[in-house]
Amino acid sequence: MSKKKRDKAVYHAHKLRQGVVHCFPAGGIPNMSVLLGDLALVPNADATYEYLNPVRLDTKAPSFTLRFVKHDRFPDFINCDPEAPPVPGDFASYPEVKFGISSKKEEIKLEAEQPGREPDDWVRFLSLESLAGLPDKVEVERIRLKFRTGDDEGVYILRVDTGEQPVEPYYGAPSRPYIDYVFIYCKEQTTFSDDDPLVGKQIADGANLCRKNGWLWFVHPIYFAEQLMNIRLPKKVREDIAYCEDLPDDLPACDEELVRLQCGYRLAGMGRICVHVDVDVDECIKTEGMQVQVSDPIELTRLLREA
């Protein structure tokens, strides 16, 4: 029986990810903690994110800091060098956002292929010999973060410090401090228009904010624009992107691969991908060192439709 051909202009990753924005390590296991919430925000609205932290005797709750980078400060913030750090050295100078925080402990059911609920991971986390020793439910701490977005377009960056983490899940493994950053774009919901010069700039800036964003844009620009940038693409635009003549067969990425990137646990060893605008080059596109250079936002908008 032949496999049904996938409609590459359609995705369901937003459902499959089950609210997971990003994953974090705990006890030496990469995907034991998860952040749940929206992929993008709108101005002047309430935002809630929940961090599910697995519990055992030696676990400690992470610490959080939230900062906001206005769109007009992006040129100072974005560093497209392949080896660029996740945030610039002066990150602490960006405005800190106050948020409410509360927590409670609860029991959850395990679920295969779900970050934070994967039975095999919990066997390792609890130092059990096999799945047979797992209880029906496991204990987690649900940490809730609540804040209200401001008037401006920009990005909210949640800094998550999970403390000293073993590099491997075995007794006596060396530990290292682990800090990660989650980037959440905030802008009004808009509809794609090929005569809007801001579309290319918005998408380029959104892709360039962090390594994960660049990869999400690269493997699935439809998902990136609609889910992370609040830009609705008409059916014709989605089809033009998905069925570009020279596009490899595995792009746009399938839902399963897209979820792995969205959750953040398939980025090991990947270089940075950036989109550039206002670059003085003769060609409309130049691909060198995993970078895409575009002469102006209008050209980027056209490329989203035609290439």
Protein backbone atom coordinates (compact mmCIF):
# COMPACT_ATOMS: atom_id res chain seq x y z
CA MET A 1 0.00 0.00 0.00
CA SER A 2 1.51 3.31 -1.08
CA LYS A 3 2.04 6.04 1.44
CA LYS A 4 -0.22 9.06 1.05
CA LYS A 5 1.66 11.99 -0.46
CA ARG A 6 2.21 14.79 2.01
CA ASP A 7 0.80 18.24 1.35
CA LYS A 8 3.94 20.26 2.01
CA ALA A 9 2.02 23.55 2.18
CA VAL A 10 0.18 22.32 5.30
CA TYR A 11 1.62 21.58 8.73
CA HIS A 12 0.30 20.21 12.02
CA ALA A 13 3.40 20.70 14.16
CA HIS A 14 1.63 23.32 16.27
CA LYS A 15 -0.70 20.54 17.48
CA LEU A 16 1.89 17.79 17.74
CA ARG A 17 4.21 19.86 19.93
CA GLN A 18 1.50 19.91 22.63
CA GLY A 19 2.42 23.36 23.83
CA VAL A 20 6.15 22.73 24.21
CA VAL A 21 8.18 25.83 23.36
CA HIS A 22 11.60 24.53 24.42
CA CYS A 23 13.27 21.70 26.35
CA PHE A 24 15.91 21.81 29.09
CA PRO A 25 18.10 19.19 30.79
CA ALA A 26 17.60 17.77 34.27
CA GLY A 27 19.79 15.17 35.95
CA GLY A 28 21.95 14.85 32.85
CA ILE A 29 19.00 13.98 30.58
CA PRO A 30 18.51 16.59 27.83
CA ASN A 31 14.71 16.80 27.52
CA MET A 32 13.41 16.33 31.05
CA SER A 33 12.12 19.87 31.63
CA VAL A 34 9.81 21.68 29.24
CA LEU A 35 8.51 25.21 28.83
CA LEU A 36 4.87 25.36 27.72
CA GLY A 37 3.17 28.36 26.15
CA ASP A 38 2.61 30.44 23.03
CA LEU A 39 5.19 30.60 20.24
CA ALA A 40 4.45 34.28 19.57
CA LEU A 41 2.82 37.13 21.47
CA VAL A 42 0.85 40.27 20.65
CA PRO A 43 1.23 43.68 22.32
CA ASN A 44 -0.91 44.68 25.30
CA ALA A 45 -1.97 41.20 26.26
CA ASP A 46 -1.54 38.80 29.17
CA ALA A 47 1.05 36.06 28.68
CA THR A 48 1.43 32.84 30.68
CA TYR A 49 4.21 30.26 30.45
CA GLU A 50 4.55 27.09 32.48
CA TYR A 51 7.80 25.30 33.25
CA LEU A 52 7.43 21.61 34.15
CA ASN A 53 10.36 20.56 36.31
CA PRO A 54 10.78 16.85 37.19
CA VAL A 55 11.03 16.13 40.92
CA ARG A 56 13.36 13.91 42.88
CA LEU A 57 15.20 14.47 46.17
CA ASP A 58 18.16 16.35 44.69
CA THR A 59 16.34 18.52 42.13
CA LYS A 60 16.25 22.28 42.42
CA ALA A 61 13.93 24.73 40.71
CA PRO A 62 15.51 26.85 37.97
CA SER A 63 15.75 30.63 38.13
CA PHE A 64 14.25 32.91 35.49
CA THR A 65 14.94 36.38 34.12
CA LEU A 66 12.81 38.05 31.43
CA ARG A 67 14.05 40.90 29.25
CA PHE A 68 12.60 42.78 26.29
CA VAL A 69 14.46 43.92 23.18
CA LYS A 70 12.61 46.54 21.16
CA HIS A 71 12.65 46.19 17.39
CA ASP A 72 14.72 49.35 16.94
CA ARG A 73 17.48 47.81 19.10
CA PHE A 74 17.75 44.65 17.00
CA PRO A 75 20.80 45.96 15.06
CA ASP A 76 22.70 46.16 18.36
CA PHE A 77 21.50 42.75 19.50
CA ILE A 78 21.73 40.48 16.45
CA ASN A 79 25.09 38.87 15.72
CA CYS A 80 25.02 36.61 12.65
CA ASP A 81 28.47 35.12 13.11
CA PRO A 82 28.09 31.29 13.03
CA GLU A 83 29.78 31.08 16.43
CA ALA A 84 27.93 34.03 17.97
CA PRO A 85 26.82 33.62 21.60
CA PRO A 86 23.05 33.28 22.16
CA VAL A 87 22.84 36.83 23.54
CA PRO A 88 25.32 39.73 23.47
CA GLY A 89 27.60 40.49 26.38
CA ASP A 90 25.54 43.53 27.38
CA PHE A 91 22.31 41.53 27.60
CA ALA A 92 21.82 42.69 31.20
CA SER A 93 21.47 46.28 29.96
CA TYR A 94 18.20 45.52 28.14
CA PRO A 95 15.02 46.31 30.11
CA GLU A 96 14.02 43.65 32.60
CA VAL A 97 10.35 42.65 32.60
CA LYS A 98 8.68 41.93 35.92
CA PHE A 99 6.55 38.81 36.05
CA GLY A 100 4.45 36.95 38.57
CA ILE A 101 5.61 33.49 39.54
CA SER A 102 3.88 30.64 41.36
CA SER A 103 4.47 26.92 41.63
CA LYS A 104 2.80 23.72 42.73
CA LYS A 105 3.67 20.05 42.66
CA GLU A 106 1.49 17.57 40.83
CA GLU A 107 1.52 14.13 39.30
CA ILE A 108 1.41 13.58 35.55
CA LYS A 109 1.02 10.55 33.32
CA LEU A 110 3.90 9.53 31.09
CA GLU A 111 3.57 9.59 27.33
CA ALA A 112 5.95 8.15 24.73
CA GLU A 113 7.60 10.61 22.35
CA GLN A 114 6.56 13.56 24.49
CA PRO A 115 9.40 15.70 25.92
CA GLY A 116 9.31 15.74 29.72
CA ARG A 117 7.00 12.70 29.80
CA GLU A 118 9.07 10.12 27.94
CA PRO A 119 9.06 6.87 29.98
CA ASP A 120 12.62 5.88 29.02
CA ASP A 121 13.91 9.27 30.18
CA TRP A 122 12.13 8.91 33.52
CA VAL A 123 13.67 5.46 34.03
CA ARG A 124 17.10 7.06 33.72
CA PHE A 125 16.13 10.13 35.75
CA LEU A 126 14.88 8.01 38.67
CA SER A 127 17.81 5.55 38.35
CA LEU A 128 15.49 2.59 37.83
CA GLU A 129 16.52 -0.67 36.24
CA SER A 130 13.66 -0.93 33.75
CA LEU A 131 10.28 0.42 32.69
CA ALA A 132 8.70 -2.16 34.97
CA GLY A 133 9.80 -0.11 37.98
CA LEU A 134 8.08 3.09 36.83
CA PRO A 135 5.02 4.25 38.77
CA ASP A 136 1.80 5.03 36.92
CA LYS A 137 2.36 8.73 37.56
CA VAL A 138 5.44 10.85 38.24
CA GLU A 139 5.86 14.06 40.20
CA VAL A 140 6.69 17.39 38.60
CA GLU A 141 6.78 20.98 39.77
CA ARG A 142 4.67 23.27 37.60
CA ILE A 143 6.14 26.77 37.70
CA ARG A 144 3.86 29.42 36.22
CA LEU A 145 5.19 32.73 34.89
CA LYS A 146 2.72 35.52 34.10
CA PHE A 147 3.33 38.97 32.64
CA ARG A 148 1.68 41.54 30.40
CA THR A 149 3.22 42.56 27.10
CA GLY A 150 3.91 46.19 26.37
CA ASP A 151 3.03 48.45 23.44
CA ASP A 152 6.11 47.84 21.30
CA GLU A 153 7.09 45.26 18.71
CA GLY A 154 10.13 43.28 19.74
CA VAL A 155 11.23 40.06 21.39
CA TYR A 156 10.81 38.78 24.92
CA ILE A 157 13.78 36.68 25.97
CA LEU A 158 13.40 34.31 28.90
CA ARG A 159 16.71 33.37 30.50
CA VAL A 160 16.48 29.99 32.21
CA ASP A 161 19.24 28.99 34.63
CA THR A 162 18.92 25.32 35.58
CA GLY A 163 22.08 25.37 37.71
CA GLU A 164 24.77 22.70 37.68
CA GLN A 165 23.83 19.88 35.34
CA PRO A 166 25.65 16.54 34.90
CA VAL A 167 26.95 16.21 31.37
CA GLU A 168 25.76 12.56 31.37
CA PRO A 169 23.12 10.71 33.43
CA TYR A 170 25.42 8.52 35.53
CA TYR A 171 26.59 8.77 39.13
CA GLY A 172 29.70 10.91 39.51
CA ALA A 173 29.46 12.50 36.07
CA PRO A 174 31.07 15.96 35.85
CA SER A 175 28.69 18.89 35.98
CA ARG A 176 28.58 22.28 34.31
CA PRO A 177 26.34 25.34 34.66
CA TYR A 178 23.50 25.29 32.15
CA ILE A 179 21.76 28.48 30.98
CA ASP A 180 19.46 28.68 27.98
CA TYR A 181 17.39 31.40 26.34
CA VAL A 182 13.91 31.31 24.83
CA PHE A 183 13.01 33.96 22.22
CA ILE A 184 9.36 34.93 21.83
CA TYR A 185 8.52 37.52 19.17
CA CYS A 186 5.82 40.08 19.98
CA LYS A 187 3.96 41.88 17.19
CA GLU A 188 0.45 42.48 15.95
CA GLN A 189 -1.03 39.73 13.79
CA THR A 190 -0.79 40.74 10.12
CA THR A 191 -1.59 39.31 6.70
CA PHE A 192 1.12 38.81 4.11
CA SER A 193 1.16 41.37 1.31
CA ASP A 194 3.74 41.42 -1.47
CA ASP A 195 3.72 45.22 -1.61
CA ASP A 196 4.54 45.61 2.09
CA PRO A 197 8.26 46.44 2.50
CA LEU A 198 8.14 45.60 6.22
CA VAL A 199 7.38 41.92 5.71
CA GLY A 200 10.88 41.01 4.56
CA LYS A 201 12.49 43.01 7.37
CA GLN A 202 10.27 41.45 10.02
CA ILE A 203 10.94 37.92 8.82
CA ALA A 204 14.67 38.53 8.49
CA ASP A 205 14.91 40.04 11.96
CA GLY A 206 12.84 37.22 13.44
CA ALA A 207 15.03 34.56 11.83
CA ASN A 208 18.24 36.24 12.92
CA LEU A 209 17.37 36.53 16.60
CA CYS A 210 18.62 33.08 17.56
CA ARG A 211 20.03 29.91 16.07
CA LYS A 212 16.79 27.97 16.47
CA ASN A 213 14.79 30.68 14.72
CA GLY A 214 17.16 30.57 11.74
CA TRP A 215 16.77 26.83 11.40
CA LEU A 216 13.00 26.97 11.72
CA TRP A 217 12.89 29.57 8.95
CA PHE A 218 15.24 27.51 6.79
CA VAL A 219 13.38 24.20 7.06
CA HIS A 220 9.84 25.59 7.11
CA PRO A 221 9.37 29.30 6.28
CA ILE A 222 5.57 28.84 6.29
CA TYR A 223 5.52 27.58 9.88
CA PHE A 224 8.06 30.19 10.91
CA ALA A 225 6.10 33.13 9.48
CA GLU A 226 2.70 31.98 10.72
CA GLN A 227 3.58 30.50 14.11
CA LEU A 228 6.55 32.58 15.28
CA MET A 229 5.92 35.87 13.48
CA ASN A 230 2.10 36.16 13.53
CA ILE A 231 2.06 36.62 9.72
CA ARG A 232 -0.78 34.82 7.92
CA LEU A 233 0.18 33.56 4.46
CA PRO A 234 -2.45 33.15 1.73
CA LYS A 235 -2.82 29.67 0.23
CA LYS A 236 -1.11 30.72 -3.01
CA VAL A 237 1.95 31.99 -1.12
CA ARG A 238 2.18 28.79 0.95
CA GLU A 239 2.01 26.67 -2.19
CA ASP A 240 4.62 28.77 -3.97
CA ILE A 241 7.00 28.29 -1.05
CA ALA A 242 6.30 24.59 -0.52
CA TYR A 243 6.51 23.52 -4.16
CA CYS A 244 9.39 25.62 -5.43
CA GLU A 245 10.91 23.79 -8.43
CA ASP A 246 14.44 23.49 -7.00
CA LEU A 247 13.48 22.77 -3.39
CA PRO A 248 14.78 19.45 -1.95
CA ASP A 249 12.12 16.80 -1.39
CA ASP A 250 12.47 16.96 2.41
CA LEU A 251 11.76 20.71 2.57
CA PRO A 252 9.60 22.13 3.98
CA ALA A 253 10.36 19.74 6.82
CA CYS A 254 7.82 17.16 7.91
CA ASP A 255 5.91 17.73 11.14
CA GLU A 256 7.99 15.28 13.19
CA GLU A 257 11.27 16.97 12.32
CA LEU A 258 9.75 20.40 12.81
CA VAL A 259 8.55 19.51 16.30
CA ARG A 260 12.05 18.33 17.22
CA LEU A 261 13.48 21.67 16.13
CA GLN A 262 10.73 23.65 17.83
CA CYS A 263 11.26 21.82 21.11
CA GLY A 264 14.94 22.64 20.75
CA TYR A 265 16.52 19.24 21.21
CA ARG A 266 17.82 18.51 17.70
CA LEU A 267 20.13 21.51 17.35
CA ALA A 268 23.40 19.88 18.44
CA GLY A 269 26.19 20.62 16.00
CA MET A 270 24.11 22.84 13.75
CA GLY A 271 25.59 26.10 12.55
CA ARG A 272 23.76 29.38 12.46
CA ILE A 273 21.55 30.34 9.54
CA CYS A 274 20.83 34.04 9.03
CA VAL A 275 18.80 36.10 6.59
CA HIS A 276 20.36 39.42 5.61
CA VAL A 277 18.72 42.53 4.20
CA ASP A 278 20.22 45.78 2.96
CA VAL A 279 23.42 44.02 1.91
CA ASP A 280 25.30 45.51 -1.06
CA VAL A 281 25.52 42.50 -3.36
CA ASP A 282 24.91 42.15 -7.09
CA GLU A 283 22.88 38.98 -6.86
CA CYS A 284 19.49 38.79 -5.27
CA ILE A 285 20.61 35.72 -3.33
CA LYS A 286 24.06 34.54 -2.37
CA THR A 287 24.51 31.34 -0.37
CA GLU A 288 27.85 31.16 1.40
CA GLY A 289 28.60 29.67 4.79
CA MET A 290 24.94 28.80 5.49
CA GLN A 291 23.88 32.39 5.05
CA VAL A 292 21.30 33.92 2.72
CA GLN A 293 21.87 37.51 1.64
CA VAL A 294 19.09 39.61 0.17
CA SER A 295 19.50 43.08 -1.27
CA ASP A 296 16.32 44.52 0.24
CA PRO A 297 13.10 43.53 2.02
CA ILE A 298 11.03 43.67 -1.18
CA GLU A 299 13.27 41.00 -2.73
CA LEU A 300 12.91 38.80 0.36
CA THR A 301 9.14 39.14 0.11
CA ARG A 302 9.27 38.08 -3.55
CA LEU A 303 11.50 35.13 -2.70
CA LEU A 304 9.02 33.86 -0.11
CA ARG A 305 6.43 33.77 -2.88
CA GLU A 306 8.47 32.53 -5.83
CA ALA A 307 11.43 30.57 -4.44
